[in-house]
Amino acid sequence: MAIVVRLDVMLARRKMTSRALAERVGITEQNLSLLKSGKVRGVRFATLDAICAALDCQPGDLLEYDPDG
């Protein structure tokens, strides 16, 4: 897939654990793990909005297009 999820990078920059982010966003750690690994086929805008609010970032900080991916 050409879309690369950079959620791990933002978590490290914000010094936040996956567990803490999942709690703030209101999703399970398992779903967050699937999102981080890129194994999901889509993400709801409401979830993306909550993640961006919790990490104080833009959607482009979390998602990247890599045509060779």
N, C-alpha and C. Protein backbone atom coordinates (compact mmCIF):
# COMPACT_ATOMS: atom_id res chain seq x y z
N MET A 1 0.85 -1.18 0.00
CA MET A 1 0.00 0.00 0.00
C MET A 1 0.89 1.24 0.00
N ALA A 2 0.46 2.26 -0.67
CA ALA A 2 1.26 3.47 -0.82
C ALA A 2 1.13 4.44 0.34
N ILE A 3 0.18 4.22 1.25
CA ILE A 3 0.01 5.10 2.41
C ILE A 3 0.77 4.49 3.59
N VAL A 4 1.68 5.28 4.15
CA VAL A 4 2.49 4.84 5.29
C VAL A 4 2.02 5.59 6.53
N VAL A 5 1.78 4.85 7.61
CA VAL A 5 1.33 5.44 8.87
C VAL A 5 2.55 5.73 9.72
N ARG A 6 2.71 6.98 10.14
CA ARG A 6 3.86 7.43 10.94
C ARG A 6 3.45 7.73 12.38
N LEU A 7 2.50 6.98 12.89
CA LEU A 7 1.99 7.21 14.24
C LEU A 7 3.07 6.97 15.30
N ASP A 8 3.91 5.97 15.10
CA ASP A 8 4.99 5.69 16.05
C ASP A 8 5.93 6.88 16.20
N VAL A 9 6.19 7.55 15.10
CA VAL A 9 7.09 8.71 15.12
C VAL A 9 6.51 9.82 16.00
N MET A 10 5.21 10.09 15.82
CA MET A 10 4.57 11.15 16.61
C MET A 10 4.45 10.77 18.08
N LEU A 11 4.20 9.50 18.34
CA LEU A 11 4.15 9.05 19.73
C LEU A 11 5.51 9.27 20.40
N ALA A 12 6.58 8.94 19.70
CA ALA A 12 7.92 9.14 20.26
C ALA A 12 8.22 10.62 20.46
N ARG A 13 7.85 11.44 19.50
CA ARG A 13 8.10 12.88 19.62
C ARG A 13 7.35 13.49 20.80
N ARG A 14 6.15 12.99 21.05
CA ARG A 14 5.33 13.51 22.14
C ARG A 14 5.56 12.77 23.45
N LYS A 15 6.46 11.77 23.41
CA LYS A 15 6.77 10.95 24.60
C LYS A 15 5.49 10.40 25.23
N MET A 16 4.66 9.82 24.37
CA MET A 16 3.38 9.27 24.81
C MET A 16 3.35 7.78 24.46
N THR A 17 2.76 7.00 25.32
CA THR A 17 2.62 5.57 25.06
C THR A 17 1.37 5.31 24.22
N SER A 18 1.37 4.16 23.59
CA SER A 18 0.19 3.75 22.82
C SER A 18 -1.01 3.62 23.74
N ARG A 19 -0.79 3.10 24.92
CA ARG A 19 -1.88 2.93 25.88
C ARG A 19 -2.51 4.28 26.24
N ALA A 20 -1.67 5.28 26.51
CA ALA A 20 -2.17 6.61 26.86
C ALA A 20 -2.96 7.22 25.71
N LEU A 21 -2.44 7.06 24.49
CA LEU A 21 -3.13 7.61 23.33
C LEU A 21 -4.47 6.91 23.13
N ALA A 22 -4.48 5.60 23.24
CA ALA A 22 -5.73 4.85 23.06
C ALA A 22 -6.78 5.32 24.07
N GLU A 23 -6.37 5.53 25.31
CA GLU A 23 -7.30 6.00 26.34
C GLU A 23 -7.83 7.39 26.01
N ARG A 24 -6.95 8.28 25.57
CA ARG A 24 -7.38 9.65 25.24
C ARG A 24 -8.33 9.68 24.04
N VAL A 25 -8.05 8.82 23.07
CA VAL A 25 -8.84 8.81 21.84
C VAL A 25 -10.13 8.03 22.01
N GLY A 26 -10.14 7.06 22.92
CA GLY A 26 -11.33 6.26 23.13
C GLY A 26 -11.41 5.05 22.23
N ILE A 27 -10.26 4.49 21.86
CA ILE A 27 -10.22 3.26 21.08
C ILE A 27 -9.39 2.23 21.84
N THR A 28 -9.48 0.99 21.44
CA THR A 28 -8.72 -0.05 22.11
C THR A 28 -7.26 0.00 21.68
N GLU A 29 -6.40 -0.51 22.54
CA GLU A 29 -4.97 -0.59 22.17
C GLU A 29 -4.79 -1.48 20.95
N GLN A 30 -5.61 -2.52 20.84
CA GLN A 30 -5.51 -3.42 19.69
C GLN A 30 -5.82 -2.68 18.40
N ASN A 31 -6.87 -1.86 18.40
CA ASN A 31 -7.20 -1.09 17.20
C ASN A 31 -6.11 -0.07 16.88
N LEU A 32 -5.55 0.54 17.91
CA LEU A 32 -4.46 1.49 17.70
C LEU A 32 -3.24 0.77 17.11
N SER A 33 -2.97 -0.43 17.60
CA SER A 33 -1.86 -1.22 17.09
C SER A 33 -2.06 -1.56 15.62
N LEU A 34 -3.28 -1.92 15.25
CA LEU A 34 -3.57 -2.20 13.84
C LEU A 34 -3.38 -0.96 12.98
N LEU A 35 -3.79 0.18 13.50
CA LEU A 35 -3.61 1.43 12.78
C LEU A 35 -2.12 1.75 12.61
N LYS A 36 -1.35 1.60 13.69
CA LYS A 36 0.09 1.88 13.64
C LYS A 36 0.80 0.99 12.62
N SER A 37 0.36 -0.25 12.51
CA SER A 37 1.02 -1.19 11.61
C SER A 37 0.55 -1.04 10.16
N GLY A 38 -0.48 -0.23 9.95
CA GLY A 38 -0.98 -0.03 8.60
C GLY A 38 -1.87 -1.15 8.12
N LYS A 39 -2.35 -1.99 9.04
CA LYS A 39 -3.16 -3.14 8.67
C LYS A 39 -4.66 -2.83 8.60
N VAL A 40 -5.02 -1.57 8.67
CA VAL A 40 -6.43 -1.20 8.53
C VAL A 40 -6.67 -0.66 7.13
N ARG A 41 -7.88 -0.80 6.66
CA ARG A 41 -8.20 -0.32 5.32
C ARG A 41 -8.73 1.10 5.33
N GLY A 42 -9.04 1.61 6.51
CA GLY A 42 -9.55 2.96 6.61
C GLY A 42 -9.54 3.44 8.05
N VAL A 43 -9.67 4.73 8.20
CA VAL A 43 -9.76 5.32 9.53
C VAL A 43 -10.84 6.40 9.49
N ARG A 44 -11.67 6.42 10.51
CA ARG A 44 -12.74 7.42 10.56
C ARG A 44 -12.13 8.80 10.82
N PHE A 45 -12.73 9.80 10.21
CA PHE A 45 -12.26 11.16 10.43
C PHE A 45 -12.35 11.54 11.90
N ALA A 46 -13.37 11.06 12.59
CA ALA A 46 -13.50 11.37 14.02
C ALA A 46 -12.33 10.80 14.81
N THR A 47 -11.87 9.61 14.44
CA THR A 47 -10.72 9.00 15.11
C THR A 47 -9.45 9.76 14.77
N LEU A 48 -9.28 10.11 13.51
CA LEU A 48 -8.11 10.88 13.10
C LEU A 48 -8.09 12.23 13.79
N ASP A 49 -9.24 12.86 13.90
CA ASP A 49 -9.36 14.14 14.59
C ASP A 49 -8.94 14.00 16.05
N ALA A 50 -9.41 12.96 16.72
CA ALA A 50 -9.06 12.75 18.13
C ALA A 50 -7.58 12.46 18.31
N ILE A 51 -6.99 11.70 17.39
CA ILE A 51 -5.55 11.41 17.47
C ILE A 51 -4.75 12.70 17.28
N CYS A 52 -5.13 13.49 16.30
CA CYS A 52 -4.42 14.75 16.04
C CYS A 52 -4.55 15.70 17.24
N ALA A 53 -5.71 15.73 17.86
CA ALA A 53 -5.91 16.59 19.03
C ALA A 53 -5.04 16.11 20.19
N ALA A 54 -4.99 14.81 20.41
CA ALA A 54 -4.22 14.26 21.52
C ALA A 54 -2.71 14.45 21.32
N LEU A 55 -2.26 14.36 20.06
CA LEU A 55 -0.83 14.48 19.77
C LEU A 55 -0.44 15.89 19.34
N ASP A 56 -1.41 16.80 19.24
CA ASP A 56 -1.17 18.17 18.79
C ASP A 56 -0.40 18.16 17.48
N CYS A 57 -1.00 17.53 16.47
CA CYS A 57 -0.34 17.43 15.17
C CYS A 57 -1.37 17.55 14.05
N GLN A 58 -0.91 17.50 12.84
CA GLN A 58 -1.74 17.54 11.65
C GLN A 58 -1.85 16.13 11.06
N PRO A 59 -2.92 15.84 10.30
CA PRO A 59 -3.03 14.52 9.68
C PRO A 59 -1.81 14.16 8.83
N GLY A 60 -1.23 15.15 8.18
CA GLY A 60 -0.03 14.92 7.36
C GLY A 60 1.18 14.51 8.16
N ASP A 61 1.17 14.75 9.48
CA ASP A 61 2.25 14.29 10.34
C ASP A 61 2.13 12.79 10.60
N LEU A 62 0.94 12.25 10.39
CA LEU A 62 0.68 10.84 10.71
C LEU A 62 0.64 9.95 9.48
N LEU A 63 0.28 10.53 8.33
CA LEU A 63 0.11 9.75 7.11
C LEU A 63 1.02 10.30 6.03
N GLU A 64 1.63 9.38 5.29
CA GLU A 64 2.54 9.78 4.21
C GLU A 64 2.27 8.92 2.99
N TYR A 65 2.36 9.53 1.83
CA TYR A 65 2.18 8.80 0.57
C TYR A 65 3.54 8.40 0.03
N ASP A 66 3.75 7.10 -0.16
CA ASP A 66 5.01 6.57 -0.70
C ASP A 66 4.66 5.70 -1.90
N PRO A 67 4.80 6.25 -3.11
CA PRO A 67 4.39 5.49 -4.30
C PRO A 67 5.15 4.18 -4.48
N ASP A 68 6.32 4.05 -3.88
CA ASP A 68 7.09 2.82 -3.99
C ASP A 68 6.76 1.83 -2.90
N GLY A 69 5.89 2.25 -1.95
CA GLY A 69 5.54 1.40 -0.82
C GLY A 69 4.68 0.31 -1.24
